[in-house]
Amino acid sequence: MDIKKKNTILIGVVSASLIALVIILAGVSRFRAYDSYEIEDSFRIEGTSGLNFLPFADGILAYSRDGAVHYEKTGATVWNEAYNMLSPVAVTNGSRLIVYDRQGSTLVAMSEEKELWNVSTNHTIVDAAVSADGTVAVLSQDGETGYISLYNDQGKQAGSGQVHLDQTGYPMSLAISDDGKRLIVSFEYPADGRLATRVNIYDFSEDGDRQKDNIMASFKYKDTVCPEVAYFSDGRACAFTGSGVRIYSAGRQIKEEDYVKAGYNIAAVAAGKTGFALIRRDKSDKGVITVYSDNGKEEFRRNLLSSYERVFFLDDGRVMIKSGRQVDIFTRTGRKWFTYRFPDQVEAFIPGETLREFFLVQRDSTQIIKLS
């Protein structure tokens, strides 16, 4: 065998070994349990107690009534966007971000680099959402008329429609599919002296253009309300109602394919790209969390050791629960992946660039930490 061929084989063996080692180390990191951390760097965010935080583009989004700031993974400021909103709500999807004034009329769309566009609506904004491709959907209301508006990633209106509240009901919540083509919207309306829910699924592609008012499917539920709806990454949608969770199929023939009956009063919900969680409180004000896959299958159930503040899904499906000084992270199978009680109040615990890196936001400092 000549030397060149031997070297080629050797390089291939070494490359394969390195790839295997990376996979093994990633698996070890994913399945190992962590209960401590090391500080890699730190920086300061002014006025943390008056800010809201979200993960955004491997960094942090900090926002308030006066504006939003994007910090990159090193803690450096990428951009600082000023606005004036009474009740700002930020929504992220990959590298896309919107901040809108709930019950106001202002919406700002941004990317990880800069502001892209802004709009002032003629109606009161009820809810808004952004897709992975930058399409923005806005649900608004003016008197007895509701409005659904779509904007493309350049801020140009790409579609709009009206809903008359005496016929459809009052708009509650809206979500958009990752491809920006479908919307799910919930409405509440009175029926026999009680509140009922209507869920409409709209399609703004050619399939929806062939339907009246672009409605692909419509569902009604008595004696319940639906304050939140969501889309999963596979195109299916769900509606969180007071009685349970309704899951709808993707494709042209939309149907209700699964129903998760709660059997108790739901205190909070959390939706991710591939699943969702229901939280209830017991008599001692502590919580019980049940996590489901996107097809309604129960993944795990855990008693929470303290009253929770926030529950949300990380991008890889892990579930994080933050309460005061306590942070717990569970895998999709229910195994506790990280648990720690910090000495001071945790304002935010934001995932970083790698599996084990996080931004620990506290009143006096923000640290980039690595779990150990």
Protein backbone atom coordinates (compact mmCIF):
# COMPACT_ATOMS: atom_id res chain seq x y z
CA MET A 1 0.00 0.00 0.00
CA ASP A 2 1.47 3.38 -0.93
CA ILE A 3 2.08 6.12 1.68
CA LYS A 4 -0.53 8.50 0.21
CA LYS A 5 -3.26 5.87 0.51
CA LYS A 6 -2.17 5.03 4.06
CA ASN A 7 -2.37 8.72 5.03
CA THR A 8 -5.85 9.01 3.50
CA ILE A 9 -7.06 6.00 5.49
CA LEU A 10 -5.44 7.35 8.68
CA ILE A 11 -7.07 10.77 8.25
CA GLY A 12 -10.44 9.07 7.72
CA VAL A 13 -10.04 6.97 10.85
CA VAL A 14 -9.01 10.00 12.94
CA SER A 15 -11.92 12.09 11.58
CA ALA A 16 -14.41 9.33 12.32
CA SER A 17 -12.97 8.96 15.83
CA LEU A 18 -13.25 12.68 16.48
CA ILE A 19 -16.86 12.74 15.28
CA ALA A 20 -17.67 9.77 17.49
CA LEU A 21 -15.99 11.50 20.45
CA VAL A 22 -18.04 14.67 19.89
CA ILE A 23 -21.25 12.62 19.76
CA ILE A 24 -20.31 10.77 22.95
CA LEU A 25 -19.44 13.99 24.79
CA ALA A 26 -22.71 15.60 23.63
CA GLY A 27 -24.60 12.57 24.88
CA VAL A 28 -22.80 12.72 28.22
CA SER A 29 -23.67 16.42 28.57
CA ARG A 30 -27.30 15.75 27.71
CA PHE A 31 -27.82 12.82 30.08
CA ARG A 32 -25.65 13.91 32.98
CA ALA A 33 -27.29 15.73 35.90
CA TYR A 34 -25.82 19.08 36.97
CA ASP A 35 -26.03 20.80 40.36
CA SER A 36 -23.35 23.49 40.21
CA TYR A 37 -21.79 26.00 37.81
CA GLU A 38 -18.67 27.96 36.92
CA ILE A 39 -18.63 31.67 36.02
CA GLU A 40 -17.13 32.29 32.58
CA ASP A 41 -17.76 36.03 32.29
CA SER A 42 -19.97 38.80 33.67
CA PHE A 43 -21.43 42.15 32.67
CA ARG A 44 -24.03 44.57 34.02
CA ILE A 45 -27.57 45.27 32.85
CA GLU A 46 -29.00 48.40 34.45
CA GLY A 47 -32.42 48.25 36.11
CA THR A 48 -32.90 44.49 35.87
CA SER A 49 -35.86 44.46 38.29
CA GLY A 50 -37.88 46.58 35.85
CA LEU A 51 -37.03 44.57 32.76
CA ASN A 52 -38.39 41.49 31.02
CA PHE A 53 -36.01 38.96 29.47
CA LEU A 54 -36.14 36.45 26.61
CA PRO A 55 -33.54 34.30 24.84
CA PHE A 56 -32.76 35.69 21.40
CA ALA A 57 -30.15 34.70 18.79
CA ASP A 58 -27.74 33.02 21.27
CA GLY A 59 -27.99 36.09 23.48
CA ILE A 60 -30.46 38.05 25.59
CA LEU A 61 -33.34 40.37 24.82
CA ALA A 62 -34.08 42.81 27.65
CA TYR A 63 -37.15 44.99 27.19
CA SER A 64 -39.42 47.43 29.05
CA ARG A 65 -41.90 50.21 28.31
CA ASP A 66 -39.11 52.45 27.00
CA GLY A 67 -37.29 50.12 24.63
CA ALA A 68 -35.46 46.87 23.97
CA VAL A 69 -31.79 45.92 24.05
CA HIS A 70 -30.16 42.91 22.40
CA TYR A 71 -27.04 41.59 24.12
CA GLU A 72 -24.93 39.08 22.24
CA LYS A 73 -23.38 35.95 23.74
CA THR A 74 -20.37 37.91 25.06
CA GLY A 75 -22.55 40.47 26.81
CA ALA A 76 -21.83 43.22 24.26
CA THR A 77 -24.75 45.38 23.11
CA VAL A 78 -25.81 44.57 19.53
CA TRP A 79 -28.56 47.17 19.31
CA ASN A 80 -30.67 49.41 21.54
CA GLU A 81 -34.15 50.18 20.20
CA ALA A 82 -36.19 52.98 21.81
CA TYR A 83 -40.00 53.05 21.75
CA ASN A 84 -42.86 54.11 24.02
CA MET A 85 -45.35 51.37 24.97
CA LEU A 86 -47.64 51.02 27.98
CA SER A 87 -47.83 47.22 27.92
CA PRO A 88 -45.01 45.80 25.74
CA VAL A 89 -45.02 42.13 24.77
CA ALA A 90 -42.02 40.54 23.02
CA VAL A 91 -42.29 37.44 20.84
CA THR A 92 -39.33 35.63 19.27
CA ASN A 93 -39.07 32.90 16.65
CA GLY A 94 -35.52 31.92 15.71
CA SER A 95 -33.78 35.06 14.48
CA ARG A 96 -37.03 37.04 14.27
CA LEU A 97 -38.50 39.29 16.94
CA ILE A 98 -41.48 41.56 17.43
CA VAL A 99 -42.39 43.85 20.31
CA TYR A 100 -45.97 45.12 20.37
CA ASP A 101 -48.07 47.24 22.71
CA ARG A 102 -50.94 45.07 23.95
CA GLN A 103 -54.10 47.19 24.02
CA GLY A 104 -52.10 49.83 22.17
CA SER A 105 -51.33 50.41 18.48
CA THR A 106 -47.54 50.10 18.05
CA LEU A 107 -45.52 47.14 16.76
CA VAL A 108 -41.77 46.96 16.04
CA ALA A 109 -40.15 44.09 14.09
CA MET A 110 -36.45 43.36 14.50
CA SER A 111 -33.80 40.86 13.50
CA GLU A 112 -30.70 39.92 15.48
CA GLU A 113 -28.81 42.80 13.80
CA LYS A 114 -31.22 45.75 13.77
CA GLU A 115 -34.75 47.14 13.51
CA LEU A 116 -36.43 46.03 10.31
CA TRP A 117 -39.70 47.95 10.33
CA ASN A 118 -42.47 49.31 12.53
CA VAL A 119 -46.15 49.96 12.15
CA SER A 120 -48.87 51.89 13.96
CA THR A 121 -52.26 50.21 13.60
CA ASN A 122 -55.58 51.99 13.43
CA HIS A 123 -57.04 49.51 15.92
CA THR A 124 -56.25 48.17 19.38
CA ILE A 125 -53.80 45.26 19.27
CA VAL A 126 -55.08 42.15 21.06
CA ASP A 127 -52.32 39.71 20.11
CA ALA A 128 -49.50 39.31 17.61
CA ALA A 129 -47.13 36.57 16.44
CA VAL A 130 -44.11 36.14 14.17
CA SER A 131 -43.16 33.14 12.04
CA ALA A 132 -39.67 31.76 11.45
CA ASP A 133 -39.55 33.45 8.02
CA GLY A 134 -40.43 36.87 9.44
CA THR A 135 -44.14 37.00 8.59
CA VAL A 136 -46.04 38.90 11.29
CA ALA A 137 -49.71 38.36 12.17
CA VAL A 138 -51.65 40.94 14.16
CA LEU A 139 -55.03 40.47 15.80
CA SER A 140 -56.73 43.79 16.60
CA GLN A 141 -60.13 45.15 17.51
CA ASP A 142 -62.12 48.33 17.04
CA GLY A 143 -65.56 48.45 18.58
CA GLU A 144 -67.61 45.54 17.28
CA THR A 145 -65.16 44.58 14.55
CA GLY A 146 -62.01 42.47 14.77
CA TYR A 147 -59.16 42.61 12.27
CA ILE A 148 -56.55 40.07 11.21
CA SER A 149 -53.54 41.52 9.39
CA LEU A 150 -50.47 39.86 7.86
CA TYR A 151 -47.18 41.65 7.15
CA ASN A 152 -44.26 40.19 5.19
CA ASP A 153 -40.67 40.35 6.41
CA GLN A 154 -40.32 43.82 4.85
CA GLY A 155 -43.32 45.24 6.72
CA LYS A 156 -45.63 45.31 3.70
CA GLN A 157 -49.20 44.21 4.35
CA ALA A 158 -49.62 40.78 2.76
CA GLY A 159 -53.21 40.04 3.76
CA SER A 160 -56.07 41.24 5.92
CA GLY A 161 -59.57 40.35 6.94
CA GLN A 162 -62.40 41.35 9.25
CA VAL A 163 -64.41 39.41 11.82
CA HIS A 164 -67.67 40.78 13.14
CA LEU A 165 -67.89 40.22 16.87
CA ASP A 166 -71.65 39.67 16.90
CA GLN A 167 -71.15 36.72 14.54
CA THR A 168 -67.72 35.27 15.42
CA GLY A 169 -67.04 36.47 18.96
CA TYR A 170 -64.37 38.52 20.69
CA PRO A 171 -60.77 37.74 19.66
CA MET A 172 -58.63 36.15 22.39
CA SER A 173 -55.41 34.70 20.99
CA LEU A 174 -53.52 34.15 17.75
CA ALA A 175 -50.58 32.00 16.58
CA ILE A 176 -48.83 31.62 13.23
CA SER A 177 -47.23 28.57 11.64
CA ASP A 178 -43.47 28.53 11.07
CA ASP A 179 -43.90 28.91 7.31
CA GLY A 180 -46.12 31.98 7.81
CA LYS A 181 -49.04 30.56 5.84
CA ARG A 182 -51.52 29.56 8.53
CA LEU A 183 -53.09 31.22 11.55
CA ILE A 184 -55.05 29.79 14.44
CA VAL A 185 -57.29 32.28 16.23
CA SER A 186 -59.53 31.78 19.26
CA PHE A 187 -62.69 33.78 20.00
CA GLU A 188 -65.07 33.84 22.94
CA TYR A 189 -68.79 34.39 22.60
CA PRO A 190 -71.91 34.01 24.80
CA ALA A 191 -73.99 30.84 24.36
CA ASP A 192 -77.01 30.05 26.55
CA GLY A 193 -75.84 32.47 29.22
CA ARG A 194 -72.30 31.08 29.37
CA LEU A 195 -69.05 31.77 27.57
CA ALA A 196 -68.14 29.51 24.68
CA THR A 197 -65.11 29.26 22.38
CA ARG A 198 -64.71 29.32 18.63
CA VAL A 199 -61.38 28.30 17.05
CA ASN A 200 -60.74 29.24 13.42
CA ILE A 201 -57.79 28.10 11.33
CA TYR A 202 -56.98 30.40 8.42
CA ASP A 203 -54.79 29.70 5.41
CA PHE A 204 -53.24 32.48 3.30
CA SER A 205 -51.75 30.25 0.60
CA GLU A 206 -53.55 29.14 -2.57
CA ASP A 207 -55.37 26.46 -0.57
CA GLY A 208 -56.92 29.09 1.69
CA ASP A 209 -57.74 31.46 -1.15
CA ARG A 210 -60.22 28.86 -2.38
CA GLN A 211 -62.08 28.92 0.95
CA LYS A 212 -64.55 31.52 2.18
CA ASP A 213 -62.70 34.16 4.21
CA ASN A 214 -59.60 31.89 4.01
CA ILE A 215 -61.04 29.69 6.77
CA MET A 216 -59.80 26.11 6.44
CA ALA A 217 -61.59 24.83 9.56
CA SER A 218 -63.73 26.09 12.42
CA PHE A 219 -64.54 24.47 15.78
CA LYS A 220 -66.92 25.37 18.61
CA TYR A 221 -66.70 24.39 22.30
CA LYS A 222 -69.34 25.11 24.92
CA ASP A 223 -68.78 26.21 28.53
CA THR A 224 -65.09 27.01 28.13
CA VAL A 225 -62.77 29.79 27.04
CA CYS A 226 -59.47 29.63 25.14
CA PRO A 227 -56.93 32.25 26.25
CA GLU A 228 -54.01 30.79 24.29
CA VAL A 229 -53.28 28.98 21.03
CA ALA A 230 -50.00 27.73 19.55
CA TYR A 231 -48.35 26.08 16.55
CA PHE A 232 -45.91 23.18 16.67
CA SER A 233 -42.95 22.87 14.30
CA ASP A 234 -44.62 20.06 12.29
CA GLY A 235 -47.54 22.32 11.27
CA ARG A 236 -50.07 21.06 13.79
CA ALA A 237 -51.80 23.54 16.07
CA CYS A 238 -53.31 23.44 19.56
CA ALA A 239 -55.82 25.40 21.60
CA PHE A 240 -55.57 25.64 25.39
CA THR A 241 -59.10 25.76 26.82
CA GLY A 242 -60.37 25.68 30.36
CA SER A 243 -61.39 22.04 29.96
CA GLY A 244 -58.24 20.77 28.21
CA VAL A 245 -56.04 20.98 25.14
CA ARG A 246 -57.34 20.49 21.60
CA ILE A 247 -54.77 19.40 19.00
CA TYR A 248 -55.43 19.95 15.27
CA SER A 249 -53.88 18.18 12.31
CA ALA A 250 -51.86 19.79 9.54
CA GLY A 251 -52.53 19.28 5.83
CA ARG A 252 -55.52 20.28 3.74
CA GLN A 253 -58.14 18.37 5.72
CA ILE A 254 -57.85 19.86 9.20
CA LYS A 255 -59.48 17.96 12.04
CA GLU A 256 -59.25 17.72 15.79
CA GLU A 257 -56.99 14.68 16.12
CA ASP A 258 -56.29 14.66 19.87
CA TYR A 259 -57.84 15.97 23.05
CA VAL A 260 -56.07 16.14 26.41
CA LYS A 261 -58.66 16.45 29.14
CA ALA A 262 -57.23 18.32 32.08
CA GLY A 263 -59.46 16.94 34.84
CA TYR A 264 -58.50 19.93 37.01
CA ASN A 265 -58.29 23.71 36.87
CA ILE A 266 -55.29 24.75 34.77
CA ALA A 267 -53.24 27.47 36.47
CA ALA A 268 -50.72 27.98 33.65
CA VAL A 269 -49.64 26.55 30.32
CA ALA A 270 -46.41 26.50 28.35
CA ALA A 271 -46.00 25.63 24.67
CA GLY A 272 -42.84 24.61 22.82
CA LYS A 273 -42.07 23.62 19.25
CA THR A 274 -42.57 19.92 19.97
CA GLY A 275 -44.76 19.76 23.08
CA PHE A 276 -46.62 21.55 25.83
CA ALA A 277 -47.04 21.58 29.61
CA LEU A 278 -50.00 22.04 31.93
CA ILE A 279 -49.53 23.30 35.48
CA ARG A 280 -51.99 23.18 38.34
CA ARG A 281 -51.69 24.29 41.94
CA ASP A 282 -52.57 22.16 44.94
CA LYS A 283 -54.07 23.35 48.24
CA SER A 284 -50.66 24.40 49.58
CA ASP A 285 -50.15 26.65 46.52
CA LYS A 286 -47.44 24.37 45.18
CA GLY A 287 -47.61 23.14 41.63
CA VAL A 288 -47.91 19.95 39.65
CA ILE A 289 -46.53 20.01 36.10
CA THR A 290 -47.51 17.53 33.38
CA VAL A 291 -45.55 17.59 30.12
CA TYR A 292 -46.96 16.24 26.85
CA SER A 293 -45.58 15.63 23.37
CA ASP A 294 -47.14 17.47 20.43
CA ASN A 295 -49.49 14.52 19.80
CA GLY A 296 -50.94 14.69 23.32
CA LYS A 297 -48.98 11.81 24.84
CA GLU A 298 -48.00 12.36 28.46
CA GLU A 299 -44.21 12.48 28.79
CA PHE A 300 -43.88 12.98 32.55
CA ARG A 301 -45.48 14.47 35.65
CA ARG A 302 -43.68 16.10 38.57
CA ASN A 303 -44.62 17.77 41.83
CA LEU A 304 -43.03 21.19 42.09
CA LEU A 305 -41.24 21.80 45.37
CA SER A 306 -42.19 25.46 45.48
CA SER A 307 -44.68 27.80 43.89
CA TYR A 308 -43.54 28.48 40.33
CA GLU A 309 -43.06 31.79 38.56
CA ARG A 310 -42.45 30.66 35.02
CA VAL A 311 -42.37 27.47 32.98
CA PHE A 312 -41.11 27.32 29.41
CA PHE A 313 -39.59 24.99 26.84
CA LEU A 314 -36.01 25.30 25.65
CA ASP A 315 -35.39 24.81 21.93
CA ASP A 316 -34.37 21.15 22.32
CA GLY A 317 -37.52 20.26 24.29
CA ARG A 318 -36.11 20.51 27.81
CA VAL A 319 -38.46 22.15 30.31
CA MET A 320 -37.25 24.90 32.64
CA ILE A 321 -39.02 26.04 35.79
CA LYS A 322 -37.93 29.23 37.57
CA SER A 323 -39.22 30.27 40.96
CA GLY A 324 -37.53 32.96 43.00
CA ARG A 325 -33.98 31.73 43.60
CA GLN A 326 -34.67 28.19 42.35
CA VAL A 327 -34.08 26.92 38.81
CA ASP A 328 -34.94 23.36 37.70
CA ILE A 329 -34.50 21.92 34.20
CA PHE A 330 -36.04 18.59 33.15
CA THR A 331 -35.35 16.46 30.08
CA ARG A 332 -38.23 15.38 27.86
CA THR A 333 -38.32 12.05 29.72
CA GLY A 334 -38.78 13.79 33.08
CA ARG A 335 -35.28 13.33 34.45
CA LYS A 336 -34.00 16.34 36.40
CA TRP A 337 -31.10 17.67 34.32
CA PHE A 338 -30.18 20.70 36.44
CA THR A 339 -31.27 21.98 39.84
CA TYR A 340 -29.84 24.81 41.88
CA ARG A 341 -30.98 27.28 44.51
CA PHE A 342 -29.07 30.51 44.06
CA PRO A 343 -28.30 32.79 47.03
CA ASP A 344 -30.08 35.75 45.40
CA GLN A 345 -33.24 36.30 43.37
CA VAL A 346 -32.96 35.10 39.77
CA GLU A 347 -34.45 37.66 37.40
CA ALA A 348 -33.86 35.45 34.34
CA PHE A 349 -32.06 32.24 33.37
CA ILE A 350 -31.45 32.33 29.64
CA PRO A 351 -29.91 29.51 27.54
CA GLY A 352 -26.65 30.44 25.84
CA GLU A 353 -24.72 29.23 22.83
CA THR A 354 -24.04 25.67 24.04
CA LEU A 355 -26.06 23.09 25.95
CA ARG A 356 -24.46 23.89 29.30
CA GLU A 357 -24.08 27.67 28.97
CA PHE A 358 -26.63 30.07 30.44
CA PHE A 359 -27.03 33.75 31.22
CA LEU A 360 -27.77 34.18 34.93
CA VAL A 361 -29.48 37.56 35.35
CA GLN A 362 -29.63 38.93 38.90
CA ARG A 363 -30.28 42.36 40.34
CA ASP A 364 -26.65 43.52 40.49
CA SER A 365 -24.96 41.50 37.76
CA THR A 366 -25.40 39.24 34.75
CA GLN A 367 -23.08 36.27 34.53
CA ILE A 368 -22.34 33.87 31.69
CA ILE A 369 -22.13 30.52 33.45
CA LYS A 370 -21.32 26.95 32.52
CA LEU A 371 -23.05 24.12 34.37
CA SER A 372 -20.82 21.64 36.16
